[in-house]
Amino acid sequence: PMPSSIPGSVSDMATVTQVHRPGAKVLRRFRRNGLAVFGLILVVVFVLLAIAAPWIAPYSPKTISYTAILNAPSAEHLFGTDDLGRDVFSRTLVGARVSLGIGFFSVLIAAAVGTLVGIVSGYLGGWVDEVIMRIVDAMMALPFLVLAIVLSAVLGASLQNTVLAISIVSIPAFARISRGE
């Protein structure tokens, strides 16, 4: 058998592969945190339910039933019905798809644009950096939700404009982080 002190030995290579895997340490710490694992499972279940909503929703979320107005939760309507007799569970499943889509695309756009703005600001430096970062500071000084509502009102009511408004107000955070790096 080869001693472990000889470079290139089997035990030496096993140690090297463990040292050069920073993701393994993060994964190990994550698995030890029970609340983090529970949170991940909850998010995965929520996403899977949202994706499968058209197939698992027991009723159409738009169908109005005047005989089922404001019914309490039951075996027939898991979350009850609303003031127009629509099944709240079906509406929740379908609404989750919309909410997840808006959140995903808003963050994707904000991350791309904000990172680019931060990189340009940091790379060019000087007065360009000062101007860009003062605009970012001004945007960060305004409350997130108020600015998003104002932008949505100015742009008009649509899902695309909602994504755009949330993206715009999220850009400063990504710009600051990328500029700092």
N, C-alpha and C. Protein backbone atom coordinates (compact mmCIF):
# COMPACT_ATOMS: atom_id res chain seq x y z
N PRO A 1 0.83 -1.19 0.00
CA PRO A 1 0.00 0.00 0.00
C PRO A 1 0.87 1.25 0.00
N MET A 2 0.38 2.28 -0.67
CA MET A 2 1.11 3.53 -0.79
C MET A 2 0.79 4.41 0.41
N PRO A 3 1.81 5.05 0.99
CA PRO A 3 1.55 5.95 2.11
C PRO A 3 0.76 7.17 1.62
N SER A 4 -0.06 7.72 2.50
CA SER A 4 -0.90 8.85 2.11
C SER A 4 -0.12 10.14 1.95
N SER A 5 1.14 10.18 2.38
CA SER A 5 1.92 11.40 2.28
C SER A 5 2.52 11.58 0.89
N ILE A 6 2.45 10.56 0.04
CA ILE A 6 3.01 10.67 -1.31
C ILE A 6 2.02 11.44 -2.18
N PRO A 7 2.48 12.54 -2.80
CA PRO A 7 1.57 13.30 -3.67
C PRO A 7 1.07 12.41 -4.80
N GLY A 8 -0.20 12.55 -5.11
CA GLY A 8 -0.80 11.77 -6.18
C GLY A 8 -1.39 10.46 -5.72
N SER A 9 -1.29 10.14 -4.43
CA SER A 9 -1.87 8.90 -3.94
C SER A 9 -3.38 9.01 -3.91
N VAL A 10 -4.05 7.88 -3.79
CA VAL A 10 -5.51 7.84 -3.81
C VAL A 10 -6.10 8.67 -2.68
N SER A 11 -5.60 8.53 -1.47
CA SER A 11 -6.15 9.28 -0.34
C SER A 11 -5.88 10.77 -0.49
N ASP A 12 -4.75 11.12 -1.09
CA ASP A 12 -4.43 12.53 -1.32
C ASP A 12 -5.39 13.14 -2.32
N MET A 13 -5.76 12.40 -3.37
CA MET A 13 -6.69 12.92 -4.38
C MET A 13 -8.10 13.06 -3.82
N ALA A 14 -8.51 12.17 -2.96
CA ALA A 14 -9.83 12.28 -2.34
C ALA A 14 -9.91 13.55 -1.51
N THR A 15 -8.83 13.87 -0.81
CA THR A 15 -8.80 15.09 -0.01
C THR A 15 -8.86 16.32 -0.90
N VAL A 16 -8.15 16.29 -2.01
CA VAL A 16 -8.13 17.42 -2.93
C VAL A 16 -9.51 17.66 -3.52
N THR A 17 -10.22 16.60 -3.92
CA THR A 17 -11.54 16.79 -4.51
C THR A 17 -12.53 17.33 -3.50
N GLN A 18 -12.38 16.98 -2.24
CA GLN A 18 -13.28 17.51 -1.22
C GLN A 18 -12.99 18.98 -0.95
N VAL A 19 -11.76 19.36 -0.98
CA VAL A 19 -11.37 20.74 -0.70
C VAL A 19 -11.85 21.66 -1.81
N HIS A 20 -11.81 21.22 -3.06
CA HIS A 20 -12.13 22.06 -4.21
C HIS A 20 -13.60 22.03 -4.59
N ARG A 21 -14.47 21.63 -3.70
CA ARG A 21 -15.91 21.64 -3.98
C ARG A 21 -16.61 22.54 -2.98
N PRO A 22 -16.63 23.85 -3.22
CA PRO A 22 -17.25 24.76 -2.25
C PRO A 22 -18.77 24.56 -2.16
N GLY A 23 -19.39 24.11 -3.22
CA GLY A 23 -20.82 23.86 -3.19
C GLY A 23 -21.20 22.74 -2.24
N ALA A 24 -20.30 21.80 -2.03
CA ALA A 24 -20.57 20.67 -1.14
C ALA A 24 -20.74 21.15 0.29
N LYS A 25 -19.94 22.11 0.70
CA LYS A 25 -20.04 22.65 2.06
C LYS A 25 -21.38 23.37 2.25
N VAL A 26 -21.77 24.14 1.25
CA VAL A 26 -23.05 24.86 1.32
C VAL A 26 -24.20 23.86 1.38
N LEU A 27 -24.14 22.84 0.54
CA LEU A 27 -25.19 21.82 0.52
C LEU A 27 -25.27 21.07 1.84
N ARG A 28 -24.12 20.75 2.41
CA ARG A 28 -24.09 20.05 3.70
C ARG A 28 -24.72 20.91 4.80
N ARG A 29 -24.38 22.20 4.84
CA ARG A 29 -24.96 23.10 5.85
C ARG A 29 -26.46 23.28 5.63
N PHE A 30 -26.87 23.32 4.36
CA PHE A 30 -28.29 23.47 4.04
C PHE A 30 -29.08 22.27 4.53
N ARG A 31 -28.56 21.05 4.28
CA ARG A 31 -29.27 19.84 4.69
C ARG A 31 -29.39 19.72 6.20
N ARG A 32 -28.46 20.30 6.94
CA ARG A 32 -28.51 20.24 8.40
C ARG A 32 -29.54 21.20 8.99
N ASN A 33 -29.94 22.20 8.21
CA ASN A 33 -30.90 23.20 8.67
C ASN A 33 -32.31 22.73 8.31
N GLY A 34 -33.02 22.21 9.30
CA GLY A 34 -34.34 21.64 9.07
C GLY A 34 -35.35 22.64 8.52
N LEU A 35 -35.32 23.88 9.00
CA LEU A 35 -36.26 24.89 8.50
C LEU A 35 -35.98 25.24 7.04
N ALA A 36 -34.72 25.28 6.66
CA ALA A 36 -34.37 25.56 5.27
C ALA A 36 -34.87 24.46 4.35
N VAL A 37 -34.70 23.21 4.76
CA VAL A 37 -35.17 22.08 3.97
C VAL A 37 -36.69 22.11 3.87
N PHE A 38 -37.36 22.39 4.99
CA PHE A 38 -38.83 22.49 4.98
C PHE A 38 -39.28 23.61 4.04
N GLY A 39 -38.61 24.74 4.09
CA GLY A 39 -38.93 25.87 3.21
C GLY A 39 -38.76 25.51 1.74
N LEU A 40 -37.68 24.81 1.42
CA LEU A 40 -37.46 24.39 0.04
C LEU A 40 -38.56 23.43 -0.42
N ILE A 41 -38.92 22.49 0.44
CA ILE A 41 -39.98 21.54 0.09
C ILE A 41 -41.29 22.29 -0.14
N LEU A 42 -41.58 23.26 0.71
CA LEU A 42 -42.80 24.05 0.57
C LEU A 42 -42.82 24.82 -0.75
N VAL A 43 -41.71 25.42 -1.11
CA VAL A 43 -41.62 26.17 -2.37
C VAL A 43 -41.77 25.23 -3.56
N VAL A 44 -41.12 24.07 -3.50
CA VAL A 44 -41.21 23.11 -4.61
C VAL A 44 -42.65 22.62 -4.76
N VAL A 45 -43.32 22.31 -3.66
CA VAL A 45 -44.72 21.87 -3.72
C VAL A 45 -45.59 22.98 -4.31
N PHE A 46 -45.37 24.21 -3.88
CA PHE A 46 -46.15 25.34 -4.39
C PHE A 46 -45.94 25.51 -5.90
N VAL A 47 -44.70 25.43 -6.35
CA VAL A 47 -44.41 25.56 -7.78
C VAL A 47 -45.03 24.42 -8.57
N LEU A 48 -44.93 23.19 -8.06
CA LEU A 48 -45.53 22.05 -8.76
C LEU A 48 -47.05 22.17 -8.84
N LEU A 49 -47.67 22.63 -7.76
CA LEU A 49 -49.12 22.85 -7.78
C LEU A 49 -49.50 23.91 -8.80
N ALA A 50 -48.71 24.98 -8.87
CA ALA A 50 -48.99 26.04 -9.82
C ALA A 50 -48.83 25.55 -11.26
N ILE A 51 -47.80 24.76 -11.51
CA ILE A 51 -47.58 24.23 -12.85
C ILE A 51 -48.71 23.28 -13.26
N ALA A 52 -49.16 22.48 -12.32
CA ALA A 52 -50.19 21.48 -12.61
C ALA A 52 -51.61 22.03 -12.44
N ALA A 53 -51.77 23.30 -12.19
CA ALA A 53 -53.08 23.89 -11.90
C ALA A 53 -54.16 23.56 -12.93
N PRO A 54 -53.90 23.66 -14.22
CA PRO A 54 -54.98 23.36 -15.17
C PRO A 54 -55.50 21.93 -15.08
N TRP A 55 -54.67 21.02 -14.62
CA TRP A 55 -55.08 19.61 -14.56
C TRP A 55 -55.66 19.21 -13.20
N ILE A 56 -55.28 19.93 -12.14
CA ILE A 56 -55.76 19.52 -10.81
C ILE A 56 -56.84 20.43 -10.25
N ALA A 57 -57.08 21.58 -10.87
CA ALA A 57 -58.14 22.48 -10.38
C ALA A 57 -59.49 21.79 -10.60
N PRO A 58 -60.26 21.64 -9.54
CA PRO A 58 -61.52 20.90 -9.67
C PRO A 58 -62.60 21.65 -10.48
N TYR A 59 -62.52 22.97 -10.53
CA TYR A 59 -63.50 23.77 -11.25
C TYR A 59 -62.78 24.82 -12.07
N SER A 60 -63.48 25.37 -13.02
CA SER A 60 -62.93 26.50 -13.77
C SER A 60 -62.89 27.71 -12.84
N PRO A 61 -61.79 28.45 -12.82
CA PRO A 61 -61.71 29.59 -11.91
C PRO A 61 -62.62 30.75 -12.32
N LYS A 62 -63.16 30.70 -13.54
CA LYS A 62 -64.00 31.79 -14.03
C LYS A 62 -65.49 31.47 -13.98
N THR A 63 -65.84 30.21 -13.74
CA THR A 63 -67.24 29.80 -13.76
C THR A 63 -67.98 30.36 -12.55
N ILE A 64 -69.05 31.08 -12.82
CA ILE A 64 -69.87 31.68 -11.77
C ILE A 64 -71.05 30.75 -11.47
N SER A 65 -71.31 30.54 -10.18
CA SER A 65 -72.42 29.70 -9.76
C SER A 65 -73.24 30.47 -8.73
N TYR A 66 -74.42 30.89 -9.12
CA TYR A 66 -75.26 31.68 -8.21
C TYR A 66 -75.84 30.84 -7.08
N THR A 67 -75.77 29.53 -7.20
CA THR A 67 -76.27 28.66 -6.14
C THR A 67 -75.19 28.34 -5.10
N ALA A 68 -73.94 28.75 -5.35
CA ALA A 68 -72.84 28.43 -4.44
C ALA A 68 -72.15 29.68 -3.91
N ILE A 69 -72.89 30.77 -3.79
CA ILE A 69 -72.29 32.04 -3.35
C ILE A 69 -71.90 31.96 -1.87
N LEU A 70 -70.66 32.31 -1.58
CA LEU A 70 -70.09 32.38 -0.22
C LEU A 70 -70.27 31.09 0.59
N ASN A 71 -70.08 29.96 -0.06
CA ASN A 71 -70.12 28.69 0.66
C ASN A 71 -68.87 28.54 1.51
N ALA A 72 -69.02 27.93 2.65
CA ALA A 72 -67.88 27.66 3.53
C ALA A 72 -67.04 26.53 2.94
N PRO A 73 -65.80 26.40 3.38
CA PRO A 73 -64.98 25.28 2.91
C PRO A 73 -65.68 23.95 3.19
N SER A 74 -65.59 23.04 2.23
CA SER A 74 -66.23 21.73 2.35
C SER A 74 -65.47 20.74 1.47
N ALA A 75 -65.94 19.52 1.42
CA ALA A 75 -65.31 18.51 0.56
C ALA A 75 -65.47 18.88 -0.91
N GLU A 76 -66.57 19.54 -1.23
CA GLU A 76 -66.82 19.94 -2.62
C GLU A 76 -65.98 21.15 -3.02
N HIS A 77 -65.86 22.13 -2.13
CA HIS A 77 -65.06 23.34 -2.37
C HIS A 77 -64.07 23.48 -1.21
N LEU A 78 -62.81 23.05 -1.44
CA LEU A 78 -61.83 22.97 -0.37
C LEU A 78 -61.60 24.30 0.36
N PHE A 79 -61.57 25.41 -0.37
CA PHE A 79 -61.39 26.73 0.25
C PHE A 79 -62.70 27.52 0.27
N GLY A 80 -63.81 26.91 -0.09
CA GLY A 80 -65.09 27.60 -0.14
C GLY A 80 -65.27 28.29 -1.49
N THR A 81 -66.25 29.20 -1.53
CA THR A 81 -66.52 29.95 -2.76
C THR A 81 -66.54 31.44 -2.43
N ASP A 82 -66.37 32.25 -3.47
CA ASP A 82 -66.36 33.70 -3.27
C ASP A 82 -67.76 34.29 -3.45
N ASP A 83 -67.84 35.61 -3.53
CA ASP A 83 -69.14 36.28 -3.60
C ASP A 83 -69.85 36.09 -4.94
N LEU A 84 -69.20 35.46 -5.92
CA LEU A 84 -69.84 35.13 -7.18
C LEU A 84 -70.01 33.62 -7.37
N GLY A 85 -69.67 32.86 -6.33
CA GLY A 85 -69.83 31.42 -6.38
C GLY A 85 -68.69 30.69 -7.07
N ARG A 86 -67.58 31.37 -7.29
CA ARG A 86 -66.42 30.74 -7.93
C ARG A 86 -65.61 29.99 -6.88
N ASP A 87 -65.05 28.86 -7.26
CA ASP A 87 -64.27 28.02 -6.36
C ASP A 87 -62.94 28.72 -6.03
N VAL A 88 -62.71 29.00 -4.75
CA VAL A 88 -61.53 29.74 -4.31
C VAL A 88 -60.26 28.90 -4.47
N PHE A 89 -60.34 27.59 -4.26
CA PHE A 89 -59.18 26.73 -4.43
C PHE A 89 -58.70 26.76 -5.88
N SER A 90 -59.60 26.62 -6.84
CA SER A 90 -59.23 26.67 -8.25
C SER A 90 -58.63 28.02 -8.61
N ARG A 91 -59.22 29.09 -8.08
CA ARG A 91 -58.70 30.43 -8.36
C ARG A 91 -57.32 30.63 -7.74
N THR A 92 -57.09 30.02 -6.58
CA THR A 92 -55.78 30.12 -5.93
C THR A 92 -54.72 29.40 -6.74
N LEU A 93 -55.04 28.20 -7.24
CA LEU A 93 -54.08 27.45 -8.05
C LEU A 93 -53.72 28.21 -9.33
N VAL A 94 -54.72 28.71 -10.02
CA VAL A 94 -54.47 29.43 -11.26
C VAL A 94 -53.76 30.76 -10.97
N GLY A 95 -54.14 31.42 -9.88
CA GLY A 95 -53.48 32.67 -9.50
C GLY A 95 -52.02 32.48 -9.14
N ALA A 96 -51.69 31.32 -8.60
CA ALA A 96 -50.29 31.02 -8.26
C ALA A 96 -49.43 31.00 -9.52
N ARG A 97 -49.96 30.49 -10.61
CA ARG A 97 -49.21 30.49 -11.88
C ARG A 97 -48.88 31.91 -12.30
N VAL A 98 -49.86 32.78 -12.21
CA VAL A 98 -49.66 34.17 -12.61
C VAL A 98 -48.64 34.85 -11.69
N SER A 99 -48.80 34.65 -10.40
CA SER A 99 -47.90 35.28 -9.42
C SER A 99 -46.46 34.80 -9.59
N LEU A 100 -46.27 33.50 -9.76
CA LEU A 100 -44.93 32.97 -9.95
C LEU A 100 -44.31 33.47 -11.26
N GLY A 101 -45.11 33.57 -12.29
CA GLY A 101 -44.61 34.10 -13.57
C GLY A 101 -44.17 35.54 -13.46
N ILE A 102 -44.99 36.35 -12.81
CA ILE A 102 -44.63 37.76 -12.61
C ILE A 102 -43.35 37.87 -11.79
N GLY A 103 -43.27 37.12 -10.71
CA GLY A 103 -42.07 37.17 -9.86
C GLY A 103 -40.83 36.70 -10.59
N PHE A 104 -40.93 35.60 -11.32
CA PHE A 104 -39.78 35.05 -12.03
C PHE A 104 -39.26 36.02 -13.08
N PHE A 105 -40.15 36.51 -13.94
CA PHE A 105 -39.70 37.39 -15.02
C PHE A 105 -39.27 38.76 -14.51
N SER A 106 -39.89 39.24 -13.44
CA SER A 106 -39.47 40.53 -12.86
C SER A 106 -38.04 40.44 -12.35
N VAL A 107 -37.73 39.38 -11.62
CA VAL A 107 -36.39 39.21 -11.08
C VAL A 107 -35.38 38.97 -12.20
N LEU A 108 -35.77 38.19 -13.19
CA LEU A 108 -34.87 37.92 -14.32
C LEU A 108 -34.49 39.22 -15.04
N ILE A 109 -35.46 40.05 -15.35
CA ILE A 109 -35.20 41.33 -16.03
C ILE A 109 -34.40 42.26 -15.14
N ALA A 110 -34.82 42.39 -13.88
CA ALA A 110 -34.12 43.30 -12.95
C ALA A 110 -32.67 42.86 -12.74
N ALA A 111 -32.45 41.56 -12.64
CA ALA A 111 -31.08 41.07 -12.44
C ALA A 111 -30.22 41.34 -13.66
N ALA A 112 -30.76 41.11 -14.84
CA ALA A 112 -29.98 41.35 -16.06
C ALA A 112 -29.65 42.82 -16.23
N VAL A 113 -30.66 43.67 -16.14
CA VAL A 113 -30.45 45.11 -16.35
C VAL A 113 -29.64 45.71 -15.21
N GLY A 114 -30.01 45.39 -13.97
CA GLY A 114 -29.30 45.95 -12.82
C GLY A 114 -27.84 45.56 -12.78
N THR A 115 -27.55 44.30 -13.11
CA THR A 115 -26.16 43.85 -13.14
C THR A 115 -25.39 44.59 -14.24
N LEU A 116 -26.00 44.74 -15.38
CA LEU A 116 -25.36 45.47 -16.48
C LEU A 116 -25.10 46.93 -16.09
N VAL A 117 -26.08 47.58 -15.49
CA VAL A 117 -25.91 48.97 -15.05
C VAL A 117 -24.78 49.08 -14.03
N GLY A 118 -24.74 48.17 -13.07
CA GLY A 118 -23.68 48.19 -12.06
C GLY A 118 -22.30 47.95 -12.66
N ILE A 119 -22.22 47.02 -13.59
CA ILE A 119 -20.93 46.73 -14.23
C ILE A 119 -20.46 47.93 -15.05
N VAL A 120 -21.36 48.53 -15.82
CA VAL A 120 -20.99 49.71 -16.62
C VAL A 120 -20.54 50.84 -15.70
N SER A 121 -21.28 51.05 -14.63
CA SER A 121 -20.94 52.11 -13.68
C SER A 121 -19.56 51.88 -13.06
N GLY A 122 -19.30 50.67 -12.63
CA GLY A 122 -18.01 50.36 -12.01
C GLY A 122 -16.87 50.38 -13.01
N TYR A 123 -17.13 49.93 -14.23
CA TYR A 123 -16.07 49.86 -15.23
C TYR A 123 -15.67 51.26 -15.71
N LEU A 124 -16.66 52.10 -15.99
CA LEU A 124 -16.36 53.42 -16.52
C LEU A 124 -15.87 54.37 -15.44
N GLY A 125 -16.45 54.26 -14.24
CA GLY A 125 -16.02 55.11 -13.13
C GLY A 125 -16.25 56.59 -13.41
N GLY A 126 -15.59 57.43 -12.65
CA GLY A 126 -15.65 58.88 -12.85
C GLY A 126 -17.04 59.44 -12.73
N TRP A 127 -17.32 60.43 -13.59
CA TRP A 127 -18.61 61.12 -13.52
C TRP A 127 -19.76 60.21 -13.94
N VAL A 128 -19.51 59.24 -14.85
CA VAL A 128 -20.56 58.30 -15.25
C VAL A 128 -21.01 57.47 -14.05
N ASP A 129 -20.06 56.99 -13.29
CA ASP A 129 -20.34 56.23 -12.08
C ASP A 129 -21.14 57.08 -11.09
N GLU A 130 -20.73 58.31 -10.90
CA GLU A 130 -21.43 59.21 -9.96
C GLU A 130 -22.87 59.44 -10.38
N VAL A 131 -23.11 59.71 -11.66
CA VAL A 131 -24.47 59.98 -12.15
C VAL A 131 -25.34 58.74 -11.98
N ILE A 132 -24.82 57.58 -12.43
CA ILE A 132 -25.61 56.35 -12.35
C ILE A 132 -25.92 56.00 -10.90
N MET A 133 -24.94 56.09 -10.03
CA MET A 133 -25.17 55.71 -8.62
C MET A 133 -26.08 56.72 -7.91
N ARG A 134 -26.07 57.98 -8.29
CA ARG A 134 -27.00 58.94 -7.67
C ARG A 134 -28.44 58.66 -8.12
N ILE A 135 -28.61 58.25 -9.37
CA ILE A 135 -29.95 57.85 -9.83
C ILE A 135 -30.41 56.60 -9.08
N VAL A 136 -29.51 55.65 -8.92
CA VAL A 136 -29.82 54.42 -8.17
C VAL A 136 -30.17 54.77 -6.72
N ASP A 137 -29.39 55.68 -6.10
CA ASP A 137 -29.68 56.10 -4.72
C ASP A 137 -31.05 56.75 -4.61
N ALA A 138 -31.39 57.60 -5.59
CA ALA A 138 -32.70 58.26 -5.57
C ALA A 138 -33.82 57.24 -5.68
N MET A 139 -33.64 56.25 -6.53
CA MET A 139 -34.67 55.21 -6.67
C MET A 139 -34.80 54.39 -5.39
N MET A 140 -33.66 54.13 -4.72
CA MET A 140 -33.70 53.33 -3.49
C MET A 140 -34.28 54.12 -2.33
N ALA A 141 -34.29 55.45 -2.42
CA ALA A 141 -34.83 56.27 -1.34
C ALA A 141 -36.36 56.23 -1.32
N LEU A 142 -36.96 55.88 -2.45
CA LEU A 142 -38.42 55.81 -2.52
C LEU A 142 -38.89 54.43 -2.08
N PRO A 143 -40.03 54.36 -1.40
CA PRO A 143 -40.56 53.05 -0.99
C PRO A 143 -40.85 52.18 -2.21
N PHE A 144 -40.43 50.93 -2.14
CA PHE A 144 -40.54 49.98 -3.25
C PHE A 144 -41.97 49.87 -3.76
N LEU A 145 -42.89 49.59 -2.86
CA LEU A 145 -44.28 49.35 -3.26
C LEU A 145 -44.93 50.58 -3.84
N VAL A 146 -44.67 51.73 -3.24
CA VAL A 146 -45.26 52.98 -3.75
C VAL A 146 -44.76 53.25 -5.16
N LEU A 147 -43.47 53.11 -5.39
CA LEU A 147 -42.91 53.33 -6.71
C LEU A 147 -43.46 52.34 -7.73
N ALA A 148 -43.60 51.08 -7.34
CA ALA A 148 -44.15 50.07 -8.25
C ALA A 148 -45.60 50.39 -8.61
N ILE A 149 -46.40 50.84 -7.65
CA ILE A 149 -47.80 51.19 -7.91
C ILE A 149 -47.89 52.40 -8.84
N VAL A 150 -47.06 53.40 -8.60
CA VAL A 150 -47.05 54.59 -9.45
C VAL A 150 -46.67 54.21 -10.88
N LEU A 151 -45.62 53.40 -11.02
CA LEU A 151 -45.21 52.96 -12.36
C LEU A 151 -46.30 52.15 -13.04
N SER A 152 -46.97 51.29 -12.31
CA SER A 152 -48.06 50.50 -12.90
C SER A 152 -49.19 51.40 -13.36
N ALA A 153 -49.49 52.42 -12.58
CA ALA A 153 -50.54 53.36 -12.95
C ALA A 153 -50.15 54.16 -14.20
N VAL A 154 -48.91 54.56 -14.27
CA VAL A 154 -48.44 55.34 -15.42
C VAL A 154 -48.38 54.47 -16.68
N LEU A 155 -47.89 53.25 -16.55
CA LEU A 155 -47.75 52.36 -17.70
C LEU A 155 -49.07 51.76 -18.16
N GLY A 156 -50.02 51.62 -17.27
CA GLY A 156 -51.30 51.01 -17.61
C GLY A 156 -51.43 49.63 -16.99
N ALA A 157 -52.66 49.15 -16.95
CA ALA A 157 -52.94 47.88 -16.29
C ALA A 157 -52.80 46.71 -17.26
N SER A 158 -51.72 45.95 -17.11
CA SER A 158 -51.53 44.70 -17.84
C SER A 158 -50.44 43.91 -17.12
N LEU A 159 -50.39 42.62 -17.38
CA LEU A 159 -49.37 41.80 -16.74
C LEU A 159 -47.97 42.21 -17.17
N GLN A 160 -47.80 42.54 -18.45
CA GLN A 160 -46.49 42.96 -18.94
C GLN A 160 -46.03 44.24 -18.26
N ASN A 161 -46.94 45.18 -18.07
CA ASN A 161 -46.58 46.43 -17.41
C ASN A 161 -46.30 46.22 -15.92
N THR A 162 -46.98 45.27 -15.31
CA THR A 162 -46.71 44.95 -13.92
C THR A 162 -45.30 44.37 -13.77
N VAL A 163 -44.95 43.46 -14.68
CA VAL A 163 -43.59 42.89 -14.67
C VAL A 163 -42.57 44.00 -14.89
N LEU A 164 -42.83 44.89 -15.82
CA LEU A 164 -41.91 45.98 -16.11
C LEU A 164 -41.76 46.91 -14.91
N ALA A 165 -42.87 47.25 -14.26
CA ALA A 165 -42.82 48.15 -13.09
C ALA A 165 -42.02 47.51 -11.95
N ILE A 166 -42.28 46.26 -11.65
CA ILE A 166 -41.55 45.58 -10.57
C ILE A 166 -40.07 45.46 -10.95
N SER A 167 -39.79 45.18 -12.20
CA SER A 167 -38.40 45.09 -12.66
C SER A 167 -37.67 46.41 -12.47
N ILE A 168 -38.31 47.50 -12.87
CA ILE A 168 -37.67 48.82 -12.78
C ILE A 168 -37.33 49.18 -11.34
N VAL A 169 -38.25 48.93 -10.42
CA VAL A 169 -37.98 49.30 -9.02
C VAL A 169 -37.02 48.32 -8.34
N SER A 170 -36.77 47.16 -8.97
CA SER A 170 -35.83 46.18 -8.41
C SER A 170 -34.41 46.36 -8.95
N ILE A 171 -34.26 47.07 -10.02
CA ILE A 171 -32.95 47.26 -10.65
C ILE A 171 -31.91 47.85 -9.70
N PRO A 172 -32.23 48.87 -8.90
CA PRO A 172 -31.20 49.48 -8.05
C PRO A 172 -30.48 48.49 -7.12
N ALA A 173 -31.19 47.54 -6.57
CA ALA A 173 -30.55 46.58 -5.66
C ALA A 173 -29.49 45.78 -6.39
N PHE A 174 -29.80 45.30 -7.58
CA PHE A 174 -28.84 44.54 -8.37
C PHE A 174 -27.69 45.42 -8.84
N ALA A 175 -28.00 46.66 -9.21
CA ALA A 175 -26.95 47.59 -9.65
C ALA A 175 -25.97 47.87 -8.53
N ARG A 176 -26.48 48.08 -7.32
CA ARG A 176 -25.61 48.37 -6.17
C ARG A 176 -24.69 47.18 -5.86
N ILE A 177 -25.26 45.99 -5.89
CA ILE A 177 -24.47 44.79 -5.57
C ILE A 177 -23.37 44.59 -6.62
N SER A 178 -23.73 44.67 -7.89
CA SER A 178 -22.72 44.44 -8.95
C SER A 178 -21.70 45.58 -8.98
N ARG A 179 -22.11 46.80 -8.69
CA ARG A 179 -21.17 47.92 -8.64
C ARG A 179 -20.20 47.74 -7.49
N GLY A 180 -20.68 47.26 -6.37
CA GLY A 180 -19.83 47.03 -5.22
C GLY A 180 -18.77 45.97 -5.45
N GLU A 181 -19.13 44.98 -6.23
CA GLU A 181 -18.16 43.91 -6.52
C GLU A 181 -17.11 44.40 -7.48
